[in-house]
PDB file of N, CA and C in Angstrom:
ATOM      1  N   UNK A   1      92.106 134.015 147.317  1.00  0.00           N
ATOM      2  CA  UNK A   1      91.868 132.749 146.670  1.00  0.00           C
ATOM      3  C   UNK A   1      91.527 132.944 145.190  1.00  0.00           C
ATOM      4  N   UNK A   2      90.697 133.935 144.881  1.00  0.00           N
ATOM      5  CA  UNK A   2      90.329 134.192 143.489  1.00  0.00           C
ATOM      6  C   UNK A   2      91.534 134.653 142.680  1.00  0.00           C
ATOM      7  N   UNK A   3      92.395 135.446 143.308  1.00  0.00           N
ATOM      8  CA  UNK A   3      93.606 135.882 142.607  1.00  0.00           C
ATOM      9  C   UNK A   3      94.492 134.688 142.282  1.00  0.00           C
ATOM     10  N   UNK A   4      94.615 133.755 143.195  1.00  0.00           N
ATOM     11  CA  UNK A   4      95.432 132.563 142.969  1.00  0.00           C
ATOM     12  C   UNK A   4      94.874 131.748 141.807  1.00  0.00           C
ATOM     13  N   UNK A   5      93.586 131.558 141.770  1.00  0.00           N
ATOM     14  CA  UNK A   5      92.953 130.798 140.684  1.00  0.00           C
ATOM     15  C   UNK A   5      93.138 131.532 139.357  1.00  0.00           C
ATOM     16  N   UNK A   6      92.996 132.853 139.389  1.00  0.00           N
ATOM     17  CA  UNK A   6      93.171 133.631 138.164  1.00  0.00           C
ATOM     18  C   UNK A   6      94.608 133.536 137.653  1.00  0.00           C
ATOM     19  N   UNK A   7      95.577 133.600 138.558  1.00  0.00           N
ATOM     20  CA  UNK A   7      96.989 133.499 138.169  1.00  0.00           C
ATOM     21  C   UNK A   7      97.295 132.117 137.611  1.00  0.00           C
ATOM     22  N   UNK A   8      96.794 131.081 138.253  1.00  0.00           N
ATOM     23  CA  UNK A   8      97.020 129.709 137.770  1.00  0.00           C
ATOM     24  C   UNK A   8      96.359 129.517 136.408  1.00  0.00           C
ATOM     25  N   UNK A   9      95.152 130.015 136.247  1.00  0.00           N
ATOM     26  CA  UNK A   9      94.453 129.900 134.955  1.00  0.00           C
ATOM     27  C   UNK A   9      95.218 130.616 133.855  1.00  0.00           C
ATOM     28  N   UNK A  10      95.690 131.817 134.149  1.00  0.00           N
ATOM     29  CA  UNK A  10      96.462 132.566 133.166  1.00  0.00           C
ATOM     30  C   UNK A  10      97.751 131.833 132.804  1.00  0.00           C
ATOM     31  N   UNK A  11      98.415 131.278 133.792  1.00  0.00           N
ATOM     32  CA  UNK A  11      99.653 130.525 133.539  1.00  0.00           C
ATOM     33  C   UNK A  11      99.380 129.323 132.642  1.00  0.00           C
ATOM     34  N   UNK A  12      98.296 128.604 132.885  1.00  0.00           N
ATOM     35  CA  UNK A  12      97.956 127.439 132.058  1.00  0.00           C
ATOM     36  C   UNK A  12      97.639 127.849 130.624  1.00  0.00           C
ATOM     37  N   UNK A  13      96.940 128.958 130.456  1.00  0.00           N
ATOM     38  CA  UNK A  13      96.629 129.447 129.108  1.00  0.00           C
ATOM     39  C   UNK A  13      97.916 129.826 128.381  1.00  0.00           C
ATOM     40  N   UNK A  14      98.828 130.513 129.062  1.00  0.00           N
ATOM     41  CA  UNK A  14     100.096 130.893 128.435  1.00  0.00           C
ATOM     42  C   UNK A  14     100.932 129.674 128.064  1.00  0.00           C
ATOM     43  N   UNK A  15     100.955 128.673 128.912  1.00  0.00           N
ATOM     44  CA  UNK A  15     101.705 127.446 128.612  1.00  0.00           C
ATOM     45  C   UNK A  15     101.117 126.753 127.386  1.00  0.00           C
ATOM     46  N   UNK A  16      99.797 126.640 127.340  1.00  0.00           N
ATOM     47  CA  UNK A  16      99.147 126.001 126.191  1.00  0.00           C
ATOM     48  C   UNK A  16      99.384 126.785 124.908  1.00  0.00           C
ATOM     49  N   UNK A  17      99.303 128.126 124.992  1.00  0.00           N
ATOM     50  CA  UNK A  17      99.540 128.957 123.815  1.00  0.00           C
ATOM     51  C   UNK A  17     100.967 128.814 123.318  1.00  0.00           C
ATOM     52  N   UNK A  18     101.918 128.807 124.236  1.00  0.00           N
ATOM     53  CA  UNK A  18     103.328 128.689 123.850  1.00  0.00           C
ATOM     54  C   UNK A  18     103.617 127.330 123.215  1.00  0.00           C
ATOM     55  N   UNK A  19     103.020 126.271 123.745  1.00  0.00           N
ATOM     56  CA  UNK A  19     103.212 124.940 123.170  1.00  0.00           C
ATOM     57  C   UNK A  19     102.634 124.868 121.761  1.00  0.00           C
ATOM     58  N   UNK A  20     101.489 125.503 121.534  1.00  0.00           N
ATOM     59  CA  UNK A  20     100.867 125.491 120.206  1.00  0.00           C
ATOM     60  C   UNK A  20     101.677 126.303 119.208  1.00  0.00           C
ATOM     61  N   UNK A  21     102.352 127.348 119.660  1.00  0.00           N
ATOM     62  CA  UNK A  21     103.115 128.219 118.769  1.00  0.00           C
ATOM     63  C   UNK A  21     104.554 127.761 118.577  1.00  0.00           C
ATOM     64  N   UNK A  22     104.966 126.734 119.299  1.00  0.00           N
ATOM     65  CA  UNK A  22     106.355 126.261 119.209  1.00  0.00           C
ATOM     66  C   UNK A  22     106.626 125.697 117.816  1.00  0.00           C
ATOM     67  N   UNK A  23     107.830 125.925 117.278  1.00  0.00           N
ATOM     68  CA  UNK A  23     108.152 125.397 115.953  1.00  0.00           C
ATOM     69  C   UNK A  23     108.243 123.875 115.970  1.00  0.00           C
ATOM     70  N   UNK A  24     107.872 123.298 114.859  1.00  0.00           N
ATOM     71  CA  UNK A  24     107.930 121.863 114.694  1.00  0.00           C
ATOM     72  C   UNK A  24     109.384 121.426 114.617  1.00  0.00           C
ATOM     73  N   UNK A  25     109.719 120.371 115.314  1.00  0.00           N
ATOM     74  CA  UNK A  25     111.101 119.902 115.319  1.00  0.00           C
ATOM     75  C   UNK A  25     111.311 118.845 114.232  1.00  0.00           C
ATOM     76  N   UNK A  26     112.427 118.998 113.525  1.00  0.00           N
ATOM     77  CA  UNK A  26     112.787 118.126 112.424  1.00  0.00           C
ATOM     78  C   UNK A  26     114.300 118.003 112.423  1.00  0.00           C
ATOM     79  N   UNK A  27     114.822 116.789 112.316  1.00  0.00           N
ATOM     80  CA  UNK A  27     116.267 116.584 112.381  1.00  0.00           C
ATOM     81  C   UNK A  27     116.688 115.589 111.306  1.00  0.00           C
ATOM     82  N   UNK A  28     117.852 115.861 110.681  1.00  0.00           N
ATOM     83  CA  UNK A  28     118.405 114.982 109.650  1.00  0.00           C
ATOM     84  C   UNK A  28     119.714 114.387 110.162  1.00  0.00           C
ATOM     85  N   UNK A  29     119.860 113.082 109.997  1.00  0.00           N
ATOM     86  CA  UNK A  29     121.110 112.383 110.299  1.00  0.00           C
ATOM     87  C   UNK A  29     121.586 111.726 109.008  1.00  0.00           C
ATOM     88  N   UNK A  30     122.818 112.037 108.576  1.00  0.00           N
ATOM     89  CA  UNK A  30     123.356 111.492 107.327  1.00  0.00           C
ATOM     90  C   UNK A  30     124.544 110.594 107.653  1.00  0.00           C
ATOM     91  N   UNK A  31     124.566 109.431 107.011  1.00  0.00           N
ATOM     92  CA  UNK A  31     125.672 108.502 107.215  1.00  0.00           C
ATOM     93  C   UNK A  31     126.039 107.881 105.871  1.00  0.00           C
ATOM     94  N   UNK A  32     127.298 107.880 105.512  1.00  0.00           N
ATOM     95  CA  UNK A  32     128.407 108.565 106.164  1.00  0.00           C
ATOM     96  C   UNK A  32     128.386 110.060 105.814  1.00  0.00           C
ATOM     97  N   UNK A  33     128.908 110.873 106.714  1.00  0.00           N
ATOM     98  CA  UNK A  33     128.971 112.313 106.469  1.00  0.00           C
ATOM     99  C   UNK A  33     130.069 112.637 105.462  1.00  0.00           C
ATOM    100  N   UNK A  34     131.140 111.832 105.457  1.00  0.00           N
ATOM    101  CA  UNK A  34     132.228 111.956 104.486  1.00  0.00           C
ATOM    102  C   UNK A  34     132.554 110.555 103.999  1.00  0.00           C
ATOM    103  N   UNK A  35     132.665 110.388 102.668  1.00  0.00           N
ATOM    104  CA  UNK A  35     132.936 109.063 102.100  1.00  0.00           C
ATOM    105  C   UNK A  35     133.619 109.204 100.743  1.00  0.00           C
ATOM    106  N   UNK A  36     134.060 108.059 100.199  1.00  0.00           N
ATOM    107  CA  UNK A  36     134.636 108.032  98.850  1.00  0.00           C
ATOM    108  C   UNK A  36     133.564 107.633  97.854  1.00  0.00           C
ATOM    109  N   UNK A  37     133.727 108.132  96.606  1.00  0.00           N
ATOM    110  CA  UNK A  37     132.754 107.814  95.570  1.00  0.00           C
ATOM    111  C   UNK A  37     132.952 106.401  95.046  1.00  0.00           C
ATOM    112  N   UNK A  38     131.929 105.781  94.493  1.00  0.00           N
ATOM    113  CA  UNK A  38     130.523 106.119  94.634  1.00  0.00           C
ATOM    114  C   UNK A  38     130.059 105.761  96.044  1.00  0.00           C
ATOM    115  N   UNK A  39     129.180 106.548  96.578  1.00  0.00           N
ATOM    116  CA  UNK A  39     128.756 106.361  97.958  1.00  0.00           C
ATOM    117  C   UNK A  39     127.248 106.168  98.042  1.00  0.00           C
ATOM    118  N   UNK A  40     126.844 105.316  98.956  1.00  0.00           N
ATOM    119  CA  UNK A  40     125.428 105.149  99.272  1.00  0.00           C
ATOM    120  C   UNK A  40     125.155 105.941 100.548  1.00  0.00           C
ATOM    121  N   UNK A  41     124.471 107.060 100.413  1.00  0.00           N
ATOM    122  CA  UNK A  41     124.153 107.902 101.559  1.00  0.00           C
ATOM    123  C   UNK A  41     122.854 107.420 102.198  1.00  0.00           C
ATOM    124  N   UNK A  42     122.886 107.237 103.504  1.00  0.00           N
ATOM    125  CA  UNK A  42     121.698 106.852 104.256  1.00  0.00           C
ATOM    126  C   UNK A  42     121.244 108.082 105.034  1.00  0.00           C
ATOM    127  N   UNK A  43     120.017 108.491 104.798  1.00  0.00           N
ATOM    128  CA  UNK A  43     119.474 109.707 105.401  1.00  0.00           C
ATOM    129  C   UNK A  43     118.330 109.305 106.316  1.00  0.00           C
ATOM    130  N   UNK A  44     118.489 109.616 107.594  1.00  0.00           N
ATOM    131  CA  UNK A  44     117.429 109.358 108.571  1.00  0.00           C
ATOM    132  C   UNK A  44     116.843 110.707 108.980  1.00  0.00           C
ATOM    133  N   UNK A  45     115.528 110.784 108.936  1.00  0.00           N
ATOM    134  CA  UNK A  45     114.842 112.020 109.294  1.00  0.00           C
ATOM    135  C   UNK A  45     113.967 111.731 110.508  1.00  0.00           C
ATOM    136  N   UNK A  46     114.187 112.526 111.559  1.00  0.00           N
ATOM    137  CA  UNK A  46     113.392 112.398 112.780  1.00  0.00           C
ATOM    138  C   UNK A  46     112.369 113.527 112.767  1.00  0.00           C
ATOM    139  N   UNK A  47     111.099 113.143 112.852  1.00  0.00           N
ATOM    140  CA  UNK A  47     109.994 114.082 112.714  1.00  0.00           C
ATOM    141  C   UNK A  47     109.176 114.104 114.002  1.00  0.00           C
ATOM    142  N   UNK A  48     108.891 115.300 114.483  1.00  0.00           N
ATOM    143  CA  UNK A  48     107.972 115.433 115.608  1.00  0.00           C
ATOM    144  C   UNK A  48     106.564 115.191 115.082  1.00  0.00           C
ATOM    145  N   UNK A  49     105.844 114.313 115.721  1.00  0.00           N
ATOM    146  CA  UNK A  49     104.477 114.012 115.282  1.00  0.00           C
ATOM    147  C   UNK A  49     103.557 115.209 115.521  1.00  0.00           C
ATOM    148  N   UNK A  50     102.670 115.426 114.525  1.00  0.00           N
ATOM    149  CA  UNK A  50     101.706 116.533 114.626  1.00  0.00           C
ATOM    150  C   UNK A  50     100.522 116.196 113.725  1.00  0.00           C
ATOM    151  N   UNK A  51      99.309 116.547 114.129  1.00  0.00           N
ATOM    152  CA  UNK A  51      98.133 116.205 113.313  1.00  0.00           C
ATOM    153  C   UNK A  51      98.142 116.813 111.916  1.00  0.00           C
ATOM    154  N   UNK A  52      98.871 117.915 111.710  1.00  0.00           N
ATOM    155  CA  UNK A  52      98.883 118.576 110.400  1.00  0.00           C
ATOM    156  C   UNK A  52      99.969 118.062 109.459  1.00  0.00           C
ATOM    157  N   UNK A  53     100.784 117.108 109.871  1.00  0.00           N
ATOM    158  CA  UNK A  53     101.827 116.560 108.999  1.00  0.00           C
ATOM    159  C   UNK A  53     101.188 115.679 107.926  1.00  0.00           C
ATOM    160  N   UNK A  54     101.416 116.033 106.655  1.00  0.00           N
ATOM    161  CA  UNK A  54     100.830 115.273 105.550  1.00  0.00           C
ATOM    162  C   UNK A  54     101.865 114.563 104.687  1.00  0.00           C
ATOM    163  N   UNK A  55     103.056 115.163 104.536  1.00  0.00           N
ATOM    164  CA  UNK A  55     104.086 114.552 103.686  1.00  0.00           C
ATOM    165  C   UNK A  55     105.457 114.992 104.166  1.00  0.00           C
ATOM    166  N   UNK A  56     106.454 114.169 103.848  1.00  0.00           N
ATOM    167  CA  UNK A  56     107.849 114.490 104.128  1.00  0.00           C
ATOM    168  C   UNK A  56     108.606 114.383 102.812  1.00  0.00           C
ATOM    169  N   UNK A  57     109.227 115.487 102.394  1.00  0.00           N
ATOM    170  CA  UNK A  57     110.026 115.518 101.168  1.00  0.00           C
ATOM    171  C   UNK A  57     111.494 115.604 101.561  1.00  0.00           C
ATOM    172  N   UNK A  58     112.326 114.778 100.921  1.00  0.00           N
ATOM    173  CA  UNK A  58     113.771 114.809 101.171  1.00  0.00           C
ATOM    174  C   UNK A  58     114.476 114.949  99.826  1.00  0.00           C
ATOM    175  N   UNK A  59     115.354 115.961  99.712  1.00  0.00           N
ATOM    176  CA  UNK A  59     116.118 116.206  98.493  1.00  0.00           C
ATOM    177  C   UNK A  59     117.591 116.220  98.854  1.00  0.00           C
ATOM    178  N   UNK A  60     118.370 115.402  98.125  1.00  0.00           N
ATOM    179  CA  UNK A  60     119.825 115.346  98.280  1.00  0.00           C
ATOM    180  C   UNK A  60     120.416 115.864  96.981  1.00  0.00           C
ATOM    181  N   UNK A  61     121.230 116.932  97.068  1.00  0.00           N
ATOM    182  CA  UNK A  61     121.650 117.593  95.836  1.00  0.00           C
ATOM    183  C   UNK A  61     123.073 118.126  95.935  1.00  0.00           C
ATOM    184  N   UNK A  62     123.826 117.889  94.832  1.00  0.00           N
ATOM    185  CA  UNK A  62     125.131 118.527  94.644  1.00  0.00           C
ATOM    186  C   UNK A  62     125.053 119.294  93.329  1.00  0.00           C
ATOM    187  N   UNK A  63     126.182 119.839  92.877  1.00  0.00           N
ATOM    188  CA  UNK A  63     126.164 120.574  91.609  1.00  0.00           C
ATOM    189  C   UNK A  63     125.872 119.669  90.419  1.00  0.00           C
ATOM    190  N   UNK A  64     126.264 118.387  90.502  1.00  0.00           N
ATOM    191  CA  UNK A  64     126.138 117.498  89.343  1.00  0.00           C
ATOM    192  C   UNK A  64     125.197 116.315  89.534  1.00  0.00           C
ATOM    193  N   UNK A  65     124.628 116.147  90.721  1.00  0.00           N
ATOM    194  CA  UNK A  65     123.828 114.951  90.992  1.00  0.00           C
ATOM    195  C   UNK A  65     122.762 115.281  92.030  1.00  0.00           C
ATOM    196  N   UNK A  66     121.596 114.662  91.874  1.00  0.00           N
ATOM    197  CA  UNK A  66     120.567 114.828  92.890  1.00  0.00           C
ATOM    198  C   UNK A  66     119.682 113.593  92.953  1.00  0.00           C
ATOM    199  N   UNK A  67     119.080 113.411  94.094  1.00  0.00           N
ATOM    200  CA  UNK A  67     118.048 112.386  94.244  1.00  0.00           C
ATOM    201  C   UNK A  67     117.032 112.930  95.245  1.00  0.00           C
ATOM    202  N   UNK A  68     115.794 112.485  95.101  1.00  0.00           N
ATOM    203  CA  UNK A  68     114.753 112.973  95.991  1.00  0.00           C
ATOM    204  C   UNK A  68     113.744 111.868  96.244  1.00  0.00           C
ATOM    205  N   UNK A  69     113.026 112.036  97.333  1.00  0.00           N
ATOM    206  CA  UNK A  69     112.005 111.073  97.703  1.00  0.00           C
ATOM    207  C   UNK A  69     110.988 111.772  98.587  1.00  0.00           C
ATOM    208  N   UNK A  70     109.778 111.240  98.621  1.00  0.00           N
ATOM    209  CA  UNK A  70     108.789 111.769  99.544  1.00  0.00           C
ATOM    210  C   UNK A  70     107.982 110.623 100.125  1.00  0.00           C
ATOM    211  N   UNK A  71     107.421 110.890 101.286  1.00  0.00           N
ATOM    212  CA  UNK A  71     106.609 109.895 101.985  1.00  0.00           C
ATOM    213  C   UNK A  71     105.349 110.580 102.498  1.00  0.00           C
ATOM    214  N   UNK A  72     104.272 109.855 102.420  1.00  0.00           N
ATOM    215  CA  UNK A  72     103.026 110.344 103.002  1.00  0.00           C
ATOM    216  C   UNK A  72     103.105 110.184 104.514  1.00  0.00           C
ATOM    217  N   UNK A  73     102.607 111.171 105.236  1.00  0.00           N
ATOM    218  CA  UNK A  73     102.552 111.113 106.694  1.00  0.00           C
ATOM    219  C   UNK A  73     101.091 111.078 107.135  1.00  0.00           C
ATOM    220  N   UNK A  74     100.842 110.388 108.228  1.00  0.00           N
ATOM    221  CA  UNK A  74      99.489 110.263 108.762  1.00  0.00           C
ATOM    222  C   UNK A  74      99.349 111.019 110.075  1.00  0.00           C
ATOM    223  N   UNK A  75      99.777 112.272 110.067  1.00  0.00           N
ATOM    224  CA  UNK A  75      99.633 113.115 111.252  1.00  0.00           C
ATOM    225  C   UNK A  75     100.334 112.532 112.462  1.00  0.00           C
ATOM    226  N   UNK A  76      99.595 112.399 113.562  1.00  0.00           N
ATOM    227  CA  UNK A  76     100.173 111.897 114.809  1.00  0.00           C
ATOM    228  C   UNK A  76     100.454 110.400 114.768  1.00  0.00           C
ATOM    229  N   UNK A  77      99.923 109.697 113.773  1.00  0.00           N
ATOM    230  CA  UNK A  77     100.160 108.251 113.659  1.00  0.00           C
ATOM    231  C   UNK A  77     101.371 107.922 112.796  1.00  0.00           C
ATOM    232  N   UNK A  78     102.094 108.933 112.350  1.00  0.00           N
ATOM    233  CA  UNK A  78     103.267 108.726 111.487  1.00  0.00           C
ATOM    234  C   UNK A  78     104.432 108.178 112.293  1.00  0.00           C
ATOM    235  N   UNK A  79     105.329 107.427 111.621  1.00  0.00           N
ATOM    236  CA  UNK A  79     106.541 107.001 112.326  1.00  0.00           C
ATOM    237  C   UNK A  79     107.387 108.215 112.700  1.00  0.00           C
ATOM    238  N   UNK A  80     108.097 108.119 113.791  1.00  0.00           N
ATOM    239  CA  UNK A  80     108.934 109.228 114.251  1.00  0.00           C
ATOM    240  C   UNK A  80     110.210 109.332 113.434  1.00  0.00           C
ATOM    241  N   UNK A  81     110.728 108.199 112.928  1.00  0.00           N
ATOM    242  CA  UNK A  81     111.951 108.215 112.110  1.00  0.00           C
ATOM    243  C   UNK A  81     111.694 107.501 110.793  1.00  0.00           C
ATOM    244  N   UNK A  82     112.166 108.129 109.709  1.00  0.00           N
ATOM    245  CA  UNK A  82     112.079 107.532 108.392  1.00  0.00           C
ATOM    246  C   UNK A  82     113.459 107.517 107.766  1.00  0.00           C
ATOM    247  N   UNK A  83     113.737 106.466 106.994  1.00  0.00           N
ATOM    248  CA  UNK A  83     115.052 106.292 106.387  1.00  0.00           C
ATOM    249  C   UNK A  83     114.927 106.373 104.871  1.00  0.00           C
ATOM    250  N   UNK A  84     115.854 107.113 104.267  1.00  0.00           N
ATOM    251  CA  UNK A  84     115.932 107.271 102.813  1.00  0.00           C
ATOM    252  C   UNK A  84     117.346 106.912 102.390  1.00  0.00           C
ATOM    253  N   UNK A  85     117.512 106.498 101.127  1.00  0.00           N
ATOM    254  CA  UNK A  85     118.840 106.200 100.600  1.00  0.00           C
ATOM    255  C   UNK A  85     119.061 106.932  99.288  1.00  0.00           C
ATOM    256  N   UNK A  86     120.282 107.380  99.114  1.00  0.00           N
ATOM    257  CA  UNK A  86     120.720 107.962  97.861  1.00  0.00           C
ATOM    258  C   UNK A  86     121.904 107.108  97.411  1.00  0.00           C
ATOM    259  N   UNK A  87     121.667 106.226  96.451  1.00  0.00           N
ATOM    260  CA  UNK A  87     122.675 105.228  96.054  1.00  0.00           C
ATOM    261  C   UNK A  87     123.577 105.755  94.943  1.00  0.00           C
ATOM    262  N   UNK A  88     124.850 105.372  95.030  1.00  0.00           N
ATOM    263  CA  UNK A  88     125.806 105.653  93.970  1.00  0.00           C
ATOM    264  C   UNK A  88     126.128 107.124  93.783  1.00  0.00           C
ATOM    265  N   UNK A  89     126.117 107.881  94.863  1.00  0.00           N
ATOM    266  CA  UNK A  89     126.387 109.318  94.756  1.00  0.00           C
ATOM    267  C   UNK A  89     127.839 109.557  94.338  1.00  0.00           C
ATOM    268  N   UNK A  90     128.051 110.321  93.256  1.00  0.00           N
ATOM    269  CA  UNK A  90     129.418 110.633  92.830  1.00  0.00           C
ATOM    270  C   UNK A  90     130.025 111.727  93.711  1.00  0.00           C
ATOM    271  N   UNK A  91     131.283 112.033  93.451  1.00  0.00           N
ATOM    272  CA  UNK A  91     131.998 113.048  94.236  1.00  0.00           C
ATOM    273  C   UNK A  91     131.240 114.373  94.208  1.00  0.00           C
ATOM    274  N   UNK A  92     131.234 115.045  95.363  1.00  0.00           N
ATOM    275  CA  UNK A  92     130.590 116.352  95.449  1.00  0.00           C
ATOM    276  C   UNK A  92     130.224 116.699  96.877  1.00  0.00           C
ATOM    277  N   UNK A  93     129.887 117.950  97.062  1.00  0.00           N
ATOM    278  CA  UNK A  93     129.355 118.420  98.341  1.00  0.00           C
ATOM    279  C   UNK A  93     127.843 118.419  98.228  1.00  0.00           C
ATOM    280  N   UNK A  94     127.182 117.742  99.146  1.00  0.00           N
ATOM    281  CA  UNK A  94     125.744 117.537  99.063  1.00  0.00           C
ATOM    282  C   UNK A  94     125.009 118.312 100.151  1.00  0.00           C
ATOM    283  N   UNK A  95     123.948 118.981  99.747  1.00  0.00           N
ATOM    284  CA  UNK A  95     122.992 119.564 100.677  1.00  0.00           C
ATOM    285  C   UNK A  95     121.817 118.605 100.756  1.00  0.00           C
ATOM    286  N   UNK A  96     121.422 118.268 101.959  1.00  0.00           N
ATOM    287  CA  UNK A  96     120.273 117.405 102.181  1.00  0.00           C
ATOM    288  C   UNK A  96     119.216 118.245 102.881  1.00  0.00           C
ATOM    289  N   UNK A  97     118.059 118.371 102.253  1.00  0.00           N
ATOM    290  CA  UNK A  97     116.976 119.193 102.803  1.00  0.00           C
ATOM    291  C   UNK A  97     115.745 118.313 103.008  1.00  0.00           C
ATOM    292  N   UNK A  98     115.168 118.402 104.199  1.00  0.00           N
ATOM    293  CA  UNK A  98     113.919 117.706 104.516  1.00  0.00           C
ATOM    294  C   UNK A  98     112.853 118.751 104.798  1.00  0.00           C
ATOM    295  N   UNK A  99     111.654 118.526 104.264  1.00  0.00           N
ATOM    296  CA  UNK A  99     110.538 119.460 104.461  1.00  0.00           C
ATOM    297  C   UNK A  99     109.290 118.683 104.848  1.00  0.00           C
ATOM    298  N   UNK A 100     108.629 119.143 105.886  1.00  0.00           N
ATOM    299  CA  UNK A 100     107.328 118.588 106.255  1.00  0.00           C
ATOM    300  C   UNK A 100     106.266 119.454 105.592  1.00  0.00           C
ATOM    301  N   UNK A 101     105.365 118.804 104.878  1.00  0.00           N
ATOM    302  CA  UNK A 101     104.308 119.493 104.156  1.00  0.00           C
ATOM    303  C   UNK A 101     103.001 119.374 104.940  1.00  0.00           C
ATOM    304  N   UNK A 102     102.306 120.489 105.094  1.00  0.00           N
ATOM    305  CA  UNK A 102     101.048 120.521 105.834  1.00  0.00           C
ATOM    306  C   UNK A 102      99.846 120.342 104.928  1.00  0.00           C
ATOM    307  N   UNK A 103      98.651 120.443 105.484  1.00  0.00           N
ATOM    308  CA  UNK A 103      97.422 120.231 104.708  1.00  0.00           C
ATOM    309  C   UNK A 103      97.202 121.273 103.615  1.00  0.00           C
ATOM    310  N   UNK A 104      97.836 122.439 103.741  1.00  0.00           N
ATOM    311  CA  UNK A 104      97.682 123.481 102.720  1.00  0.00           C
ATOM    312  C   UNK A 104      98.713 123.356 101.595  1.00  0.00           C
ATOM    313  N   UNK A 105      99.564 122.307 101.653  1.00  0.00           N
ATOM    314  CA  UNK A 105     100.564 122.088 100.615  1.00  0.00           C
ATOM    315  C   UNK A 105     101.853 122.864 100.823  1.00  0.00           C
ATOM    316  N   UNK A 106     101.956 123.600 101.900  1.00  0.00           N
ATOM    317  CA  UNK A 106     103.154 124.401 102.181  1.00  0.00           C
ATOM    318  C   UNK A 106     104.038 123.715 103.218  1.00  0.00           C
ATOM    319  N   UNK A 107     105.320 124.073 103.189  1.00  0.00           N
ATOM    320  CA  UNK A 107     106.269 123.516 104.152  1.00  0.00           C
ATOM    321  C   UNK A 107     105.965 124.062 105.545  1.00  0.00           C
ATOM    322  N   UNK A 108     105.795 123.159 106.498  1.00  0.00           N
ATOM    323  CA  UNK A 108     105.566 123.540 107.895  1.00  0.00           C
ATOM    324  C   UNK A 108     106.887 123.649 108.648  1.00  0.00           C
ATOM    325  N   UNK A 109     107.870 122.872 108.214  1.00  0.00           N
ATOM    326  CA  UNK A 109     109.186 122.884 108.859  1.00  0.00           C
ATOM    327  C   UNK A 109     110.202 122.374 107.858  1.00  0.00           C
ATOM    328  N   UNK A 110     111.442 122.842 108.002  1.00  0.00           N
ATOM    329  CA  UNK A 110     112.533 122.387 107.135  1.00  0.00           C
ATOM    330  C   UNK A 110     113.785 122.187 107.970  1.00  0.00           C
ATOM    331  N   UNK A 111     114.617 121.260 107.510  1.00  0.00           N
ATOM    332  CA  UNK A 111     115.920 121.036 108.138  1.00  0.00           C
ATOM    333  C   UNK A 111     116.932 120.840 107.017  1.00  0.00           C
ATOM    334  N   UNK A 112     118.171 121.173 107.308  1.00  0.00           N
ATOM    335  CA  UNK A 112     119.242 121.078 106.321  1.00  0.00           C
ATOM    336  C   UNK A 112     120.433 120.377 106.937  1.00  0.00           C
ATOM    337  N   UNK A 113     121.075 119.513 106.150  1.00  0.00           N
ATOM    338  CA  UNK A 113     122.301 118.841 106.576  1.00  0.00           C
ATOM    339  C   UNK A 113     123.236 118.773 105.373  1.00  0.00           C
ATOM    340  N   UNK A 114     124.454 118.296 105.605  1.00  0.00           N
ATOM    341  CA  UNK A 114     125.456 118.235 104.538  1.00  0.00           C
ATOM    342  C   UNK A 114     126.199 116.907 104.576  1.00  0.00           C
ATOM    343  N   UNK A 115     126.699 116.521 103.414  1.00  0.00           N
ATOM    344  CA  UNK A 115     127.565 115.349 103.288  1.00  0.00           C
ATOM    345  C   UNK A 115     128.586 115.649 102.199  1.00  0.00           C
ATOM    346  N   UNK A 116     129.724 115.013 102.293  1.00  0.00           N
ATOM    347  CA  UNK A 116     130.768 115.191 101.274  1.00  0.00           C
ATOM    348  C   UNK A 116     131.183 113.811 100.772  1.00  0.00           C
ATOM    349  N   UNK A 117     131.166 113.688  99.447  1.00  0.00           N
ATOM    350  CA  UNK A 117     131.646 112.471  98.797  1.00  0.00           C
ATOM    351  C   UNK A 117     132.920 112.862  98.055  1.00  0.00           C
ATOM    352  N   UNK A 118     134.015 112.206  98.408  1.00  0.00           N
ATOM    353  CA  UNK A 118     135.337 112.534  97.877  1.00  0.00           C
ATOM    354  C   UNK A 118     135.632 111.663  96.671  1.00  0.00           C
ATOM    355  N   UNK A 119     136.177 112.291  95.608  1.00  0.00           N
ATOM    356  CA  UNK A 119     136.554 111.552  94.405  1.00  0.00           C
ATOM    357  C   UNK A 119     137.825 110.759  94.619  1.00  0.00           C
ATOM    358  N   UNK A 120     138.023 109.736  93.791  1.00  0.00           N
ATOM    359  CA  UNK A 120     139.214 108.871  93.917  1.00  0.00           C
ATOM    360  C   UNK A 120     140.314 109.264  92.935  1.00  0.00           C
ATOM    361  N   UNK A 121     139.984 110.053  91.925  1.00  0.00           N
ATOM    362  CA  UNK A 121     140.971 110.418  90.902  1.00  0.00           C
ATOM    363  C   UNK A 121     141.829 111.594  91.330  1.00  0.00           C
ATOM    364  N   UNK A 122     142.894 111.863  90.572  1.00  0.00           N
ATOM    365  CA  UNK A 122     143.784 112.962  90.919  1.00  0.00           C
ATOM    366  C   UNK A 122     143.149 114.349  90.752  1.00  0.00           C
ATOM    367  N   UNK A 123     142.118 114.467  89.918  1.00  0.00           N
ATOM    368  CA  UNK A 123     141.491 115.779  89.687  1.00  0.00           C
ATOM    369  C   UNK A 123     140.336 116.035  90.648  1.00  0.00           C
ATOM    370  N   UNK A 124     140.117 115.189  91.598  1.00  0.00           N
ATOM    371  CA  UNK A 124     138.987 115.346  92.528  1.00  0.00           C
ATOM    372  C   UNK A 124     139.403 115.869  93.853  1.00  0.00           C
TER     373      UNK A 124
END
């Protein structure tokens, strides 16, 4: 009986430890993924709630154009999905990076996505 209790206790401790050490989940959804210029990119970021989440930074960048935004997060009381817009994006290949910032000012998690805005002229 004592061995059974010890095994169950150890299993519960390992499960709790593994859950605490699991990486924070962060996902980016970009719409449209491919479009013609000028394009309004809609970026939705899905964030796993966590007490240490303090801010969400989103940067959309190509070689010739960029836009960025950030939002304050209230830990576990933060919304699970946040929407950002990058209006009038010219032709280019865009990297979209989202970063969750913790209480120490460092990134706790990052996600990367891509979008392509196609030019309308013959040289694009």
